[in-house]
Amino acid sequence: MAKPKPANAKDPAECTQMILPVRDALDILSGKWKLPIIISLSFGNKRFSQMAREIPNITDRMLSKELRDLEINQLVKRTVYPSVPVVVEYSMTQYGKSLERVIGELRNWGMQHRKRIITKKSSE
């Protein structure tokens, strides 16, 4: 006789279906710098040097690489203005703006986690 499944048991295929899209999202957003860049751009269009100043410790080379990756994934738009000197501005695409809720939830969770850990450390 087969063992009955616990009431909270889920189908393994459902688990896999949940893991794959989350993994895809993390692949696109992973690393130390992508989310800070997205957050910086969520406050408005920026030139390269503005972002470099706003994001502590990022190198120009890394900022350039990460912006390219975000542009390839259609989260960031790079606009070149034909002026002298040439002006390049970065902005969030509509698709990139769809991350605002996710980033807001991460921020909320992070704040709660910091309070929890700081409270735990101070009570030890």
PDB file of N, CA and C in Angstrom:
ATOM      1  N   MET A   1       0.844  -1.175   0.000  1.00  0.00           N
ATOM      2  CA  MET A   1       0.000   0.000   0.000  1.00  0.00           C
ATOM      3  C   MET A   1       0.895   1.245   0.000  1.00  0.00           C
ATOM      4  N   ALA A   2       0.569   2.197  -0.873  1.00  0.00           N
ATOM      5  CA  ALA A   2       1.365   3.414  -1.008  1.00  0.00           C
ATOM      6  C   ALA A   2       1.112   4.341   0.169  1.00  0.00           C
ATOM      7  N   LYS A   3       2.192   5.017   0.536  1.00  0.00           N
ATOM      8  CA  LYS A   3       2.084   5.992   1.619  1.00  0.00           C
ATOM      9  C   LYS A   3       1.306   7.203   1.137  1.00  0.00           C
ATOM     10  N   PRO A   4       0.382   7.706   1.932  1.00  0.00           N
ATOM     11  CA  PRO A   4      -0.336   8.920   1.509  1.00  0.00           C
ATOM     12  C   PRO A   4       0.606  10.122   1.560  1.00  0.00           C
ATOM     13  N   LYS A   5       0.409  11.037   0.608  1.00  0.00           N
ATOM     14  CA  LYS A   5       1.218  12.257   0.567  1.00  0.00           C
ATOM     15  C   LYS A   5       0.764  13.189   1.678  1.00  0.00           C
ATOM     16  N   PRO A   6       1.731  13.895   2.284  1.00  0.00           N
ATOM     17  CA  PRO A   6       1.336  14.911   3.256  1.00  0.00           C
ATOM     18  C   PRO A   6       0.494  15.992   2.561  1.00  0.00           C
ATOM     19  N   ALA A   7      -0.330  16.651   3.320  1.00  0.00           N
ATOM     20  CA  ALA A   7      -1.241  17.654   2.754  1.00  0.00           C
ATOM     21  C   ALA A   7      -0.490  18.784   2.043  1.00  0.00           C
ATOM     22  N   ASN A   8       0.712  19.097   2.489  1.00  0.00           N
ATOM     23  CA  ASN A   8       1.452  20.206   1.885  1.00  0.00           C
ATOM     24  C   ASN A   8       2.425  19.756   0.791  1.00  0.00           C
ATOM     25  N   ALA A   9       2.415  18.485   0.419  1.00  0.00           N
ATOM     26  CA  ALA A   9       3.328  17.963  -0.608  1.00  0.00           C
ATOM     27  C   ALA A   9       2.948  18.500  -1.982  1.00  0.00           C
ATOM     28  N   LYS A  10       3.992  18.815  -2.758  1.00  0.00           N
ATOM     29  CA  LYS A  10       3.774  19.337  -4.110  1.00  0.00           C
ATOM     30  C   LYS A  10       4.403  18.396  -5.116  1.00  0.00           C
ATOM     31  N   ASP A  11       3.926  18.495  -6.304  1.00  0.00           N
ATOM     32  CA  ASP A  11       4.410  17.691  -7.409  1.00  0.00           C
ATOM     33  C   ASP A  11       5.837  18.109  -7.777  1.00  0.00           C
ATOM     34  N   PRO A  12       6.782  17.156  -7.943  1.00  0.00           N
ATOM     35  CA  PRO A  12       8.154  17.511  -8.320  1.00  0.00           C
ATOM     36  C   PRO A  12       8.237  18.291  -9.636  1.00  0.00           C
ATOM     37  N   ALA A  13       7.357  17.997 -10.583  1.00  0.00           N
ATOM     38  CA  ALA A  13       7.356  18.740 -11.849  1.00  0.00           C
ATOM     39  C   ALA A  13       6.995  20.203 -11.605  1.00  0.00           C
ATOM     40  N   GLU A  14       6.090  20.436 -10.660  1.00  0.00           N
ATOM     41  CA  GLU A  14       5.720  21.807 -10.306  1.00  0.00           C
ATOM     42  C   GLU A  14       6.916  22.543  -9.689  1.00  0.00           C
ATOM     43  N   CYS A  15       7.694  21.814  -8.909  1.00  0.00           N
ATOM     44  CA  CYS A  15       8.899  22.389  -8.311  1.00  0.00           C
ATOM     45  C   CYS A  15       9.865  22.824  -9.411  1.00  0.00           C
ATOM     46  N   THR A  16      10.092  21.962 -10.381  1.00  0.00           N
ATOM     47  CA  THR A  16      10.988  22.276 -11.497  1.00  0.00           C
ATOM     48  C   THR A  16      10.460  23.461 -12.289  1.00  0.00           C
ATOM     49  N   GLN A  17       9.147  23.501 -12.505  1.00  0.00           N
ATOM     50  CA  GLN A  17       8.547  24.616 -13.237  1.00  0.00           C
ATOM     51  C   GLN A  17       8.724  25.941 -12.488  1.00  0.00           C
ATOM     52  N   MET A  18       8.861  25.878 -11.193  1.00  0.00           N
ATOM     53  CA  MET A  18       9.064  27.086 -10.403  1.00  0.00           C
ATOM     54  C   MET A  18      10.545  27.480 -10.403  1.00  0.00           C
ATOM     55  N   ILE A  19      11.425  26.494 -10.355  1.00  0.00           N
ATOM     56  CA  ILE A  19      12.863  26.760 -10.288  1.00  0.00           C
ATOM     57  C   ILE A  19      13.384  27.402 -11.571  1.00  0.00           C
ATOM     58  N   LEU A  20      12.990  26.905 -12.723  1.00  0.00           N
ATOM     59  CA  LEU A  20      13.560  27.366 -13.990  1.00  0.00           C
ATOM     60  C   LEU A  20      13.398  28.868 -14.241  1.00  0.00           C
ATOM     61  N   PRO A  21      12.202  29.437 -14.129  1.00  0.00           N
ATOM     62  CA  PRO A  21      12.094  30.877 -14.371  1.00  0.00           C
ATOM     63  C   PRO A  21      12.823  31.726 -13.322  1.00  0.00           C
ATOM     64  N   VAL A  22      12.862  31.257 -12.073  1.00  0.00           N
ATOM     65  CA  VAL A  22      13.584  31.993 -11.038  1.00  0.00           C
ATOM     66  C   VAL A  22      15.078  31.967 -11.356  1.00  0.00           C
ATOM     67  N   ARG A  23      15.543  30.832 -11.801  1.00  0.00           N
ATOM     68  CA  ARG A  23      16.951  30.702 -12.194  1.00  0.00           C
ATOM     69  C   ARG A  23      17.279  31.628 -13.367  1.00  0.00           C
ATOM     70  N   ASP A  24      16.382  31.690 -14.346  1.00  0.00           N
ATOM     71  CA  ASP A  24      16.578  32.601 -15.485  1.00  0.00           C
ATOM     72  C   ASP A  24      16.693  34.048 -15.007  1.00  0.00           C
ATOM     73  N   ALA A  25      15.796  34.437 -14.110  1.00  0.00           N
ATOM     74  CA  ALA A  25      15.813  35.808 -13.591  1.00  0.00           C
ATOM     75  C   ALA A  25      17.120  36.089 -12.844  1.00  0.00           C
ATOM     76  N   LEU A  26      17.545  35.141 -12.023  1.00  0.00           N
ATOM     77  CA  LEU A  26      18.779  35.340 -11.277  1.00  0.00           C
ATOM     78  C   LEU A  26      19.991  35.371 -12.197  1.00  0.00           C
ATOM     79  N   ASP A  27      19.980  34.604 -13.273  1.00  0.00           N
ATOM     80  CA  ASP A  27      21.082  34.644 -14.242  1.00  0.00           C
ATOM     81  C   ASP A  27      21.219  36.047 -14.837  1.00  0.00           C
ATOM     82  N   ILE A  28      20.108  36.688 -15.136  1.00  0.00           N
ATOM     83  CA  ILE A  28      20.133  38.023 -15.739  1.00  0.00           C
ATOM     84  C   ILE A  28      20.529  39.078 -14.712  1.00  0.00           C
ATOM     85  N   LEU A  29      20.086  38.932 -13.482  1.00  0.00           N
ATOM     86  CA  LEU A  29      20.291  39.962 -12.460  1.00  0.00           C
ATOM     87  C   LEU A  29      21.444  39.670 -11.505  1.00  0.00           C
ATOM     88  N   SER A  30      22.115  38.536 -11.708  1.00  0.00           N
ATOM     89  CA  SER A  30      23.143  38.124 -10.756  1.00  0.00           C
ATOM     90  C   SER A  30      24.371  39.021 -10.814  1.00  0.00           C
ATOM     91  N   GLY A  31      25.148  38.913  -9.782  1.00  0.00           N
ATOM     92  CA  GLY A  31      26.366  39.693  -9.688  1.00  0.00           C
ATOM     93  C   GLY A  31      26.195  40.830  -8.705  1.00  0.00           C
ATOM     94  N   LYS A  32      27.295  41.450  -8.423  1.00  0.00           N
ATOM     95  CA  LYS A  32      27.343  42.497  -7.415  1.00  0.00           C
ATOM     96  C   LYS A  32      26.783  43.824  -7.912  1.00  0.00           C
ATOM     97  N   TRP A  33      26.762  44.051  -9.228  1.00  0.00           N
ATOM     98  CA  TRP A  33      26.528  45.390  -9.744  1.00  0.00           C
ATOM     99  C   TRP A  33      25.234  45.625 -10.501  1.00  0.00           C
ATOM    100  N   LYS A  34      24.598  44.596 -11.021  1.00  0.00           N
ATOM    101  CA  LYS A  34      23.429  44.824 -11.881  1.00  0.00           C
ATOM    102  C   LYS A  34      22.282  45.497 -11.131  1.00  0.00           C
ATOM    103  N   LEU A  35      21.959  45.013  -9.959  1.00  0.00           N
ATOM    104  CA  LEU A  35      20.851  45.637  -9.219  1.00  0.00           C
ATOM    105  C   LEU A  35      21.177  47.068  -8.793  1.00  0.00           C
ATOM    106  N   PRO A  36      22.385  47.364  -8.316  1.00  0.00           N
ATOM    107  CA  PRO A  36      22.677  48.776  -8.029  1.00  0.00           C
ATOM    108  C   PRO A  36      22.559  49.675  -9.269  1.00  0.00           C
ATOM    109  N   ILE A  37      22.943  49.171 -10.430  1.00  0.00           N
ATOM    110  CA  ILE A  37      22.813  49.957 -11.660  1.00  0.00           C
ATOM    111  C   ILE A  37      21.337  50.187 -11.972  1.00  0.00           C
ATOM    112  N   ILE A  38      20.537  49.143 -11.871  1.00  0.00           N
ATOM    113  CA  ILE A  38      19.096  49.258 -12.133  1.00  0.00           C
ATOM    114  C   ILE A  38      18.456  50.234 -11.149  1.00  0.00           C
ATOM    115  N   ILE A  39      18.838  50.142  -9.888  1.00  0.00           N
ATOM    116  CA  ILE A  39      18.289  51.045  -8.879  1.00  0.00           C
ATOM    117  C   ILE A  39      18.688  52.485  -9.197  1.00  0.00           C
ATOM    118  N   SER A  40      19.933  52.701  -9.569  1.00  0.00           N
ATOM    119  CA  SER A  40      20.385  54.044  -9.933  1.00  0.00           C
ATOM    120  C   SER A  40      19.551  54.604 -11.079  1.00  0.00           C
ATOM    121  N   LEU A  41      19.326  53.790 -12.107  1.00  0.00           N
ATOM    122  CA  LEU A  41      18.557  54.249 -13.262  1.00  0.00           C
ATOM    123  C   LEU A  41      17.066  54.392 -12.954  1.00  0.00           C
ATOM    124  N   SER A  42      16.598  53.723 -11.909  1.00  0.00           N
ATOM    125  CA  SER A  42      15.183  53.856 -11.559  1.00  0.00           C
ATOM    126  C   SER A  42      14.884  55.264 -11.013  1.00  0.00           C
ATOM    127  N   PHE A  43      15.937  56.002 -10.654  1.00  0.00           N
ATOM    128  CA  PHE A  43      15.770  57.379 -10.192  1.00  0.00           C
ATOM    129  C   PHE A  43      15.897  58.383 -11.327  1.00  0.00           C
ATOM    130  N   GLY A  44      15.998  57.887 -12.556  1.00  0.00           N
ATOM    131  CA  GLY A  44      16.041  58.770 -13.713  1.00  0.00           C
ATOM    132  C   GLY A  44      17.192  58.450 -14.646  1.00  0.00           C
ATOM    133  N   ASN A  45      17.117  59.011 -15.838  1.00  0.00           N
ATOM    134  CA  ASN A  45      18.159  58.809 -16.842  1.00  0.00           C
ATOM    135  C   ASN A  45      19.490  59.342 -16.322  1.00  0.00           C
ATOM    136  N   LYS A  46      20.565  58.651 -16.686  1.00  0.00           N
ATOM    137  CA  LYS A  46      21.876  59.033 -16.184  1.00  0.00           C
ATOM    138  C   LYS A  46      22.929  58.911 -17.278  1.00  0.00           C
ATOM    139  N   ARG A  47      23.928  59.745 -17.148  1.00  0.00           N
ATOM    140  CA  ARG A  47      25.128  59.586 -17.947  1.00  0.00           C
ATOM    141  C   ARG A  47      26.049  58.632 -17.201  1.00  0.00           C
ATOM    142  N   PHE A  48      26.993  58.074 -17.925  1.00  0.00           N
ATOM    143  CA  PHE A  48      27.914  57.083 -17.376  1.00  0.00           C
ATOM    144  C   PHE A  48      28.583  57.602 -16.102  1.00  0.00           C
ATOM    145  N   SER A  49      29.124  58.814 -16.158  1.00  0.00           N
ATOM    146  CA  SER A  49      29.868  59.362 -15.019  1.00  0.00           C
ATOM    147  C   SER A  49      28.972  59.568 -13.797  1.00  0.00           C
ATOM    148  N   GLN A  50      27.696  59.894 -14.027  1.00  0.00           N
ATOM    149  CA  GLN A  50      26.762  60.051 -12.902  1.00  0.00           C
ATOM    150  C   GLN A  50      26.591  58.725 -12.172  1.00  0.00           C
ATOM    151  N   MET A  51      26.397  57.650 -12.953  1.00  0.00           N
ATOM    152  CA  MET A  51      26.235  56.330 -12.327  1.00  0.00           C
ATOM    153  C   MET A  51      27.503  55.914 -11.607  1.00  0.00           C
ATOM    154  N   ALA A  52      28.651  56.164 -12.227  1.00  0.00           N
ATOM    155  CA  ALA A  52      29.926  55.789 -11.609  1.00  0.00           C
ATOM    156  C   ALA A  52      30.080  56.468 -10.240  1.00  0.00           C
ATOM    157  N   ARG A  53      29.610  57.714 -10.120  1.00  0.00           N
ATOM    158  CA  ARG A  53      29.682  58.426  -8.839  1.00  0.00           C
ATOM    159  C   ARG A  53      28.671  57.887  -7.831  1.00  0.00           C
ATOM    160  N   GLU A  54      27.487  57.498  -8.301  1.00  0.00           N
ATOM    161  CA  GLU A  54      26.426  57.042  -7.394  1.00  0.00           C
ATOM    162  C   GLU A  54      26.645  55.632  -6.855  1.00  0.00           C
ATOM    163  N   ILE A  55      27.366  54.815  -7.590  1.00  0.00           N
ATOM    164  CA  ILE A  55      27.538  53.406  -7.196  1.00  0.00           C
ATOM    165  C   ILE A  55      28.941  53.244  -6.618  1.00  0.00           C
ATOM    166  N   PRO A  56      29.045  53.187  -5.292  1.00  0.00           N
ATOM    167  CA  PRO A  56      30.370  53.118  -4.670  1.00  0.00           C
ATOM    168  C   PRO A  56      31.175  51.891  -5.110  1.00  0.00           C
ATOM    169  N   ASN A  57      32.451  52.127  -5.383  1.00  0.00           N
ATOM    170  CA  ASN A  57      33.448  51.082  -5.663  1.00  0.00           C
ATOM    171  C   ASN A  57      33.320  50.372  -7.003  1.00  0.00           C
ATOM    172  N   ILE A  58      32.414  50.770  -7.875  1.00  0.00           N
ATOM    173  CA  ILE A  58      32.344  50.138  -9.188  1.00  0.00           C
ATOM    174  C   ILE A  58      33.400  50.778 -10.092  1.00  0.00           C
ATOM    175  N   THR A  59      34.095  49.950 -10.848  1.00  0.00           N
ATOM    176  CA  THR A  59      35.088  50.487 -11.784  1.00  0.00           C
ATOM    177  C   THR A  59      34.395  50.854 -13.089  1.00  0.00           C
ATOM    178  N   ASP A  60      35.011  51.734 -13.848  1.00  0.00           N
ATOM    179  CA  ASP A  60      34.437  52.116 -15.143  1.00  0.00           C
ATOM    180  C   ASP A  60      34.308  50.902 -16.058  1.00  0.00           C
ATOM    181  N   ARG A  61      35.299  50.049 -16.018  1.00  0.00           N
ATOM    182  CA  ARG A  61      35.274  48.845 -16.863  1.00  0.00           C
ATOM    183  C   ARG A  61      34.086  47.935 -16.516  1.00  0.00           C
ATOM    184  N   MET A  62      33.862  47.742 -15.215  1.00  0.00           N
ATOM    185  CA  MET A  62      32.752  46.887 -14.775  1.00  0.00           C
ATOM    186  C   MET A  62      31.418  47.543 -15.086  1.00  0.00           C
ATOM    187  N   LEU A  63      31.302  48.851 -14.876  1.00  0.00           N
ATOM    188  CA  LEU A  63      30.063  49.555 -15.184  1.00  0.00           C
ATOM    189  C   LEU A  63      29.742  49.423 -16.667  1.00  0.00           C
ATOM    190  N   SER A  64      30.736  49.575 -17.499  1.00  0.00           N
ATOM    191  CA  SER A  64      30.552  49.450 -18.939  1.00  0.00           C
ATOM    192  C   SER A  64      30.083  48.049 -19.318  1.00  0.00           C
ATOM    193  N   LYS A  65      30.721  47.036 -18.750  1.00  0.00           N
ATOM    194  CA  LYS A  65      30.355  45.635 -19.035  1.00  0.00           C
ATOM    195  C   LYS A  65      28.926  45.335 -18.596  1.00  0.00           C
ATOM    196  N   GLU A  66      28.591  45.750 -17.377  1.00  0.00           N
ATOM    197  CA  GLU A  66      27.263  45.451 -16.843  1.00  0.00           C
ATOM    198  C   GLU A  66      26.175  46.205 -17.606  1.00  0.00           C
ATOM    199  N   LEU A  67      26.444  47.447 -17.997  1.00  0.00           N
ATOM    200  CA  LEU A  67      25.470  48.197 -18.806  1.00  0.00           C
ATOM    201  C   LEU A  67      25.236  47.493 -20.136  1.00  0.00           C
ATOM    202  N   ARG A  68      26.303  46.984 -20.738  1.00  0.00           N
ATOM    203  CA  ARG A  68      26.164  46.243 -21.996  1.00  0.00           C
ATOM    204  C   ARG A  68      25.272  45.010 -21.806  1.00  0.00           C
ATOM    205  N   ASP A  69      25.515  44.261 -20.723  1.00  0.00           N
ATOM    206  CA  ASP A  69      24.695  43.070 -20.434  1.00  0.00           C
ATOM    207  C   ASP A  69      23.233  43.445 -20.225  1.00  0.00           C
ATOM    208  N   LEU A  70      22.986  44.508 -19.480  1.00  0.00           N
ATOM    209  CA  LEU A  70      21.616  44.944 -19.224  1.00  0.00           C
ATOM    210  C   LEU A  70      20.943  45.428 -20.506  1.00  0.00           C
ATOM    211  N   GLU A  71      21.718  46.026 -21.388  1.00  0.00           N
ATOM    212  CA  GLU A  71      21.182  46.472 -22.678  1.00  0.00           C
ATOM    213  C   GLU A  71      20.836  45.268 -23.550  1.00  0.00           C
ATOM    214  N   ILE A  72      21.700  44.269 -23.575  1.00  0.00           N
ATOM    215  CA  ILE A  72      21.443  43.040 -24.349  1.00  0.00           C
ATOM    216  C   ILE A  72      20.155  42.376 -23.874  1.00  0.00           C
ATOM    217  N   ASN A  73      19.910  42.427 -22.563  1.00  0.00           N
ATOM    218  CA  ASN A  73      18.707  41.811 -21.994  1.00  0.00           C
ATOM    219  C   ASN A  73      17.508  42.749 -21.989  1.00  0.00           C
ATOM    220  N   GLN A  74      17.623  43.863 -22.687  1.00  0.00           N
ATOM    221  CA  GLN A  74      16.536  44.817 -22.919  1.00  0.00           C
ATOM    222  C   GLN A  74      15.992  45.464 -21.649  1.00  0.00           C
ATOM    223  N   LEU A  75      16.849  45.577 -20.628  1.00  0.00           N
ATOM    224  CA  LEU A  75      16.441  46.235 -19.386  1.00  0.00           C
ATOM    225  C   LEU A  75      16.853  47.702 -19.373  1.00  0.00           C
ATOM    226  N   VAL A  76      17.912  48.017 -20.120  1.00  0.00           N
ATOM    227  CA  VAL A  76      18.473  49.365 -20.164  1.00  0.00           C
ATOM    228  C   VAL A  76      18.602  49.800 -21.618  1.00  0.00           C
ATOM    229  N   LYS A  77      18.365  51.076 -21.845  1.00  0.00           N
ATOM    230  CA  LYS A  77      18.509  51.642 -23.188  1.00  0.00           C
ATOM    231  C   LYS A  77      19.658  52.648 -23.171  1.00  0.00           C
ATOM    232  N   ARG A  78      20.487  52.575 -24.188  1.00  0.00           N
ATOM    233  CA  ARG A  78      21.613  53.500 -24.354  1.00  0.00           C
ATOM    234  C   ARG A  78      21.266  54.437 -25.502  1.00  0.00           C
ATOM    235  N   THR A  79      21.276  55.744 -25.220  1.00  0.00           N
ATOM    236  CA  THR A  79      20.951  56.738 -26.243  1.00  0.00           C
ATOM    237  C   THR A  79      22.167  57.626 -26.461  1.00  0.00           C
ATOM    238  N   VAL A  80      22.573  57.736 -27.724  1.00  0.00           N
ATOM    239  CA  VAL A  80      23.696  58.597 -28.085  1.00  0.00           C
ATOM    240  C   VAL A  80      23.136  59.846 -28.754  1.00  0.00           C
ATOM    241  N   TYR A  81      23.468  61.008 -28.187  1.00  0.00           N
ATOM    242  CA  TYR A  81      23.012  62.278 -28.748  1.00  0.00           C
ATOM    243  C   TYR A  81      24.129  62.870 -29.618  1.00  0.00           C
ATOM    244  N   PRO A  82      23.805  63.236 -30.856  1.00  0.00           N
ATOM    245  CA  PRO A  82      24.830  63.751 -31.771  1.00  0.00           C
ATOM    246  C   PRO A  82      25.184  65.206 -31.456  1.00  0.00           C
ATOM    247  N   SER A  83      25.990  65.368 -30.437  1.00  0.00           N
ATOM    248  CA  SER A  83      26.419  66.708 -30.052  1.00  0.00           C
ATOM    249  C   SER A  83      27.941  66.708 -29.967  1.00  0.00           C
ATOM    250  N   VAL A  84      28.505  67.855 -29.697  1.00  0.00           N
ATOM    251  CA  VAL A  84      29.951  67.938 -29.525  1.00  0.00           C
ATOM    252  C   VAL A  84      30.215  68.482 -28.129  1.00  0.00           C
ATOM    253  N   PRO A  85      30.804  67.699 -27.229  1.00  0.00           N
ATOM    254  CA  PRO A  85      31.148  66.297 -27.411  1.00  0.00           C
ATOM    255  C   PRO A  85      29.900  65.416 -27.406  1.00  0.00           C
ATOM    256  N   VAL A  86      30.055  64.192 -27.865  1.00  0.00           N
ATOM    257  CA  VAL A  86      28.940  63.239 -27.914  1.00  0.00           C
ATOM    258  C   VAL A  86      28.458  62.979 -26.484  1.00  0.00           C
ATOM    259  N   VAL A  87      27.149  62.978 -26.303  1.00  0.00           N
ATOM    260  CA  VAL A  87      26.540  62.695 -24.997  1.00  0.00           C
ATOM    261  C   VAL A  87      25.853  61.342 -25.083  1.00  0.00           C
ATOM    262  N   VAL A  88      26.153  60.488 -24.107  1.00  0.00           N
ATOM    263  CA  VAL A  88      25.526  59.167 -24.026  1.00  0.00           C
ATOM    264  C   VAL A  88      24.733  59.115 -22.730  1.00  0.00           C
ATOM    265  N   GLU A  89      23.483  58.699 -22.837  1.00  0.00           N
ATOM    266  CA  GLU A  89      22.599  58.643 -21.667  1.00  0.00           C
ATOM    267  C   GLU A  89      21.987  57.253 -21.574  1.00  0.00           C
ATOM    268  N   TYR A  90      21.840  56.772 -20.362  1.00  0.00           N
ATOM    269  CA  TYR A  90      21.244  55.463 -20.108  1.00  0.00           C
ATOM    270  C   TYR A  90      19.907  55.654 -19.405  1.00  0.00           C
ATOM    271  N   SER A  91      18.961  54.794 -19.745  1.00  0.00           N
ATOM    272  CA  SER A  91      17.640  54.852 -19.124  1.00  0.00           C
ATOM    273  C   SER A  91      17.082  53.446 -19.006  1.00  0.00           C
ATOM    274  N   MET A  92      16.088  53.307 -18.149  1.00  0.00           N
ATOM    275  CA  MET A  92      15.400  52.023 -18.016  1.00  0.00           C
ATOM    276  C   MET A  92      14.400  51.892 -19.161  1.00  0.00           C
ATOM    277  N   THR A  93      14.300  50.707 -19.708  1.00  0.00           N
ATOM    278  CA  THR A  93      13.262  50.430 -20.692  1.00  0.00           C
ATOM    279  C   THR A  93      11.969  50.133 -19.936  1.00  0.00           C
ATOM    280  N   GLN A  94      10.863  50.088 -20.640  1.00  0.00           N
ATOM    281  CA  GLN A  94       9.595  49.701 -20.000  1.00  0.00           C
ATOM    282  C   GLN A  94       9.738  48.311 -19.399  1.00  0.00           C
ATOM    283  N   TYR A  95      10.421  47.437 -20.125  1.00  0.00           N
ATOM    284  CA  TYR A  95      10.654  46.068 -19.637  1.00  0.00           C
ATOM    285  C   TYR A  95      11.484  46.109 -18.352  1.00  0.00           C
ATOM    286  N   GLY A  96      12.504  46.944 -18.313  1.00  0.00           N
ATOM    287  CA  GLY A  96      13.325  47.088 -17.111  1.00  0.00           C
ATOM    288  C   GLY A  96      12.527  47.622 -15.936  1.00  0.00           C
ATOM    289  N   LYS A  97      11.602  48.540 -16.234  1.00  0.00           N
ATOM    290  CA  LYS A  97      10.758  49.106 -15.173  1.00  0.00           C
ATOM    291  C   LYS A  97       9.849  48.058 -14.542  1.00  0.00           C
ATOM    292  N   SER A  98       9.633  46.950 -15.231  1.00  0.00           N
ATOM    293  CA  SER A  98       8.794  45.888 -14.666  1.00  0.00           C
ATOM    294  C   SER A  98       9.461  45.237 -13.451  1.00  0.00           C
ATOM    295  N   LEU A  99      10.736  45.532 -13.207  1.00  0.00           N
ATOM    296  CA  LEU A  99      11.445  44.997 -12.039  1.00  0.00           C
ATOM    297  C   LEU A  99      11.226  45.825 -10.774  1.00  0.00           C
ATOM    298  N   GLU A 100      10.588  46.980 -10.898  1.00  0.00           N
ATOM    299  CA  GLU A 100      10.438  47.876  -9.745  1.00  0.00           C
ATOM    300  C   GLU A 100       9.776  47.202  -8.552  1.00  0.00           C
ATOM    301  N   ARG A 101       8.707  46.448  -8.788  1.00  0.00           N
ATOM    302  CA  ARG A 101       8.022  45.756  -7.678  1.00  0.00           C
ATOM    303  C   ARG A 101       8.926  44.715  -7.037  1.00  0.00           C
ATOM    304  N   VAL A 102       9.642  43.966  -7.878  1.00  0.00           N
ATOM    305  CA  VAL A 102      10.543  42.924  -7.377  1.00  0.00           C
ATOM    306  C   VAL A 102      11.638  43.555  -6.514  1.00  0.00           C
ATOM    307  N   ILE A 103      12.233  44.630  -6.998  1.00  0.00           N
ATOM    308  CA  ILE A 103      13.302  45.308  -6.257  1.00  0.00           C
ATOM    309  C   ILE A 103      12.745  45.912  -4.967  1.00  0.00           C
ATOM    310  N   GLY A 104      11.544  46.447  -5.018  1.00  0.00           N
ATOM    311  CA  GLY A 104      10.899  46.964  -3.807  1.00  0.00           C
ATOM    312  C   GLY A 104      10.703  45.876  -2.767  1.00  0.00           C
ATOM    313  N   GLU A 105      10.279  44.710  -3.214  1.00  0.00           N
ATOM    314  CA  GLU A 105      10.094  43.579  -2.291  1.00  0.00           C
ATOM    315  C   GLU A 105      11.435  43.108  -1.730  1.00  0.00           C
ATOM    316  N   LEU A 106      12.479  43.072  -2.559  1.00  0.00           N
ATOM    317  CA  LEU A 106      13.812  42.712  -2.073  1.00  0.00           C
ATOM    318  C   LEU A 106      14.287  43.719  -1.023  1.00  0.00           C
ATOM    319  N   ARG A 107      14.034  45.000  -1.282  1.00  0.00           N
ATOM    320  CA  ARG A 107      14.409  46.046  -0.324  1.00  0.00           C
ATOM    321  C   ARG A 107      13.687  45.828   1.006  1.00  0.00           C
ATOM    322  N   ASN A 108      12.375  45.592   0.954  1.00  0.00           N
ATOM    323  CA  ASN A 108      11.607  45.364   2.179  1.00  0.00           C
ATOM    324  C   ASN A 108      12.122  44.156   2.947  1.00  0.00           C
ATOM    325  N   TRP A 109      12.365  43.060   2.223  1.00  0.00           N
ATOM    326  CA  TRP A 109      12.873  41.855   2.863  1.00  0.00           C
ATOM    327  C   TRP A 109      14.245  42.125   3.476  1.00  0.00           C
ATOM    328  N   GLY A 110      15.091  42.842   2.739  1.00  0.00           N
ATOM    329  CA  GLY A 110      16.432  43.166   3.228  1.00  0.00           C
ATOM    330  C   GLY A 110      16.397  44.002   4.494  1.00  0.00           C
ATOM    331  N   MET A 111      15.486  44.965   4.551  1.00  0.00           N
ATOM    332  CA  MET A 111      15.370  45.800   5.753  1.00  0.00           C
ATOM    333  C   MET A 111      14.917  44.950   6.947  1.00  0.00           C
ATOM    334  N   GLN A 112      13.942  44.065   6.720  1.00  0.00           N
ATOM    335  CA  GLN A 112      13.475  43.184   7.797  1.00  0.00           C
ATOM    336  C   GLN A 112      14.591  42.248   8.246  1.00  0.00           C
ATOM    337  N   HIS A 113      15.334  41.728   7.285  1.00  0.00           N
ATOM    338  CA  HIS A 113      16.429  40.815   7.605  1.00  0.00           C
ATOM    339  C   HIS A 113      17.511  41.521   8.425  1.00  0.00           C
ATOM    340  N   ARG A 114      17.866  42.746   8.015  1.00  0.00           N
ATOM    341  CA  ARG A 114      18.877  43.509   8.758  1.00  0.00           C
ATOM    342  C   ARG A 114      18.426  43.727  10.203  1.00  0.00           C
ATOM    343  N   LYS A 115      17.154  44.105  10.395  1.00  0.00           N
ATOM    344  CA  LYS A 115      16.634  44.312  11.751  1.00  0.00           C
ATOM    345  C   LYS A 115      16.710  43.013  12.551  1.00  0.00           C
ATOM    346  N   ARG A 116      16.324  41.927  11.930  1.00  0.00           N
ATOM    347  CA  ARG A 116      16.314  40.619  12.597  1.00  0.00           C
ATOM    348  C   ARG A 116      17.723  40.236  13.036  1.00  0.00           C
ATOM    349  N   ILE A 117      18.686  40.386  12.129  1.00  0.00           N
ATOM    350  CA  ILE A 117      20.063  39.984  12.427  1.00  0.00           C
ATOM    351  C   ILE A 117      20.685  40.930  13.451  1.00  0.00           C
ATOM    352  N   ILE A 118      20.461  42.230  13.292  1.00  0.00           N
ATOM    353  CA  ILE A 118      21.013  43.193  14.257  1.00  0.00           C
ATOM    354  C   ILE A 118      20.407  42.980  15.631  1.00  0.00           C
ATOM    355  N   THR A 119      19.100  42.713  15.699  1.00  0.00           N
ATOM    356  CA  THR A 119      18.442  42.443  16.975  1.00  0.00           C
ATOM    357  C   THR A 119      19.006  41.175  17.600  1.00  0.00           C
ATOM    358  N   LYS A 120      19.204  40.139  16.792  1.00  0.00           N
ATOM    359  CA  LYS A 120      19.725  38.875  17.296  1.00  0.00           C
ATOM    360  C   LYS A 120      21.143  39.056  17.827  1.00  0.00           C
ATOM    361  N   LYS A 121      21.981  39.794  17.100  1.00  0.00           N
ATOM    362  CA  LYS A 121      23.374  40.001  17.524  1.00  0.00           C
ATOM    363  C   LYS A 121      23.444  40.840  18.790  1.00  0.00           C
ATOM    364  N   SER A 122      22.576  41.838  18.891  1.00  0.00           N
ATOM    365  CA  SER A 122      22.630  42.714  20.076  1.00  0.00           C
ATOM    366  C   SER A 122      22.070  42.027  21.320  1.00  0.00           C
ATOM    367  N   SER A 123      21.250  40.981  21.143  1.00  0.00           N
ATOM    368  CA  SER A 123      20.693  40.280  22.312  1.00  0.00           C
ATOM    369  C   SER A 123      21.588  39.131  22.766  1.00  0.00           C
ATOM    370  N   GLU A 124      22.618  38.819  22.010  1.00  0.00           N
ATOM    371  CA  GLU A 124      23.516  37.716  22.401  1.00  0.00           C
ATOM    372  C   GLU A 124      24.502  38.137  23.446  1.00  0.00           C
TER     373      GLU A 124
END
